[in-house]
């Protein structure tokens, strides 16, 4: 995993649930068939209501019409990100859409664990409401080594909570890959 991730931010509000991250009607695709798995990216964040989007009127889609991958690599959200059902498809869909990092005030624990266990996205937590300070489309830089996020557009830097033991698991590509690399399993 890279120590520095630079990309465009996509900003959301509080209580983004897994049905908004990947609507249930799109769970029909195989995660093992790459031609079908791409569809998870296409529909990622396609059901976030306008009032939770953190976007001005005229809603900006996370994935543009006709595309399979988003132009936004870093998601900024409020509290309780990933609440709802326990489906692992939610962080998987974000990964397939090109998201690399989510920065939220807090997570639903099962979403957080699914993100880490699958090695899908890096789930950073912060102690301040960054979704009020960063806007969709701002260019941001996440420094994993120093646990900071810089809004390049506004020239402001904020601290992120250290990832601790989560970082090597996500860097390895998930819990099973980490266990193989560290000799816990063959």
Foldseek 3Di string as FASTA:
>chain_A
DDQKDKAFEFEWEEDAALCQQANPVLPPFDCPDVVRLLVLQVRGNVRDDPVGRLADPPDDDQADPPDSAGRGQEYEYEEAPHDDDLDLSRLSSSLSNNHAEYEYQYYDVSNQQSCLQQLRHHYWHFPDRCSVVHHGGFIWMARLVQQWIARPNVRDIGHIDHPPPSVLSSVLRHDVSSCVVVVVDD
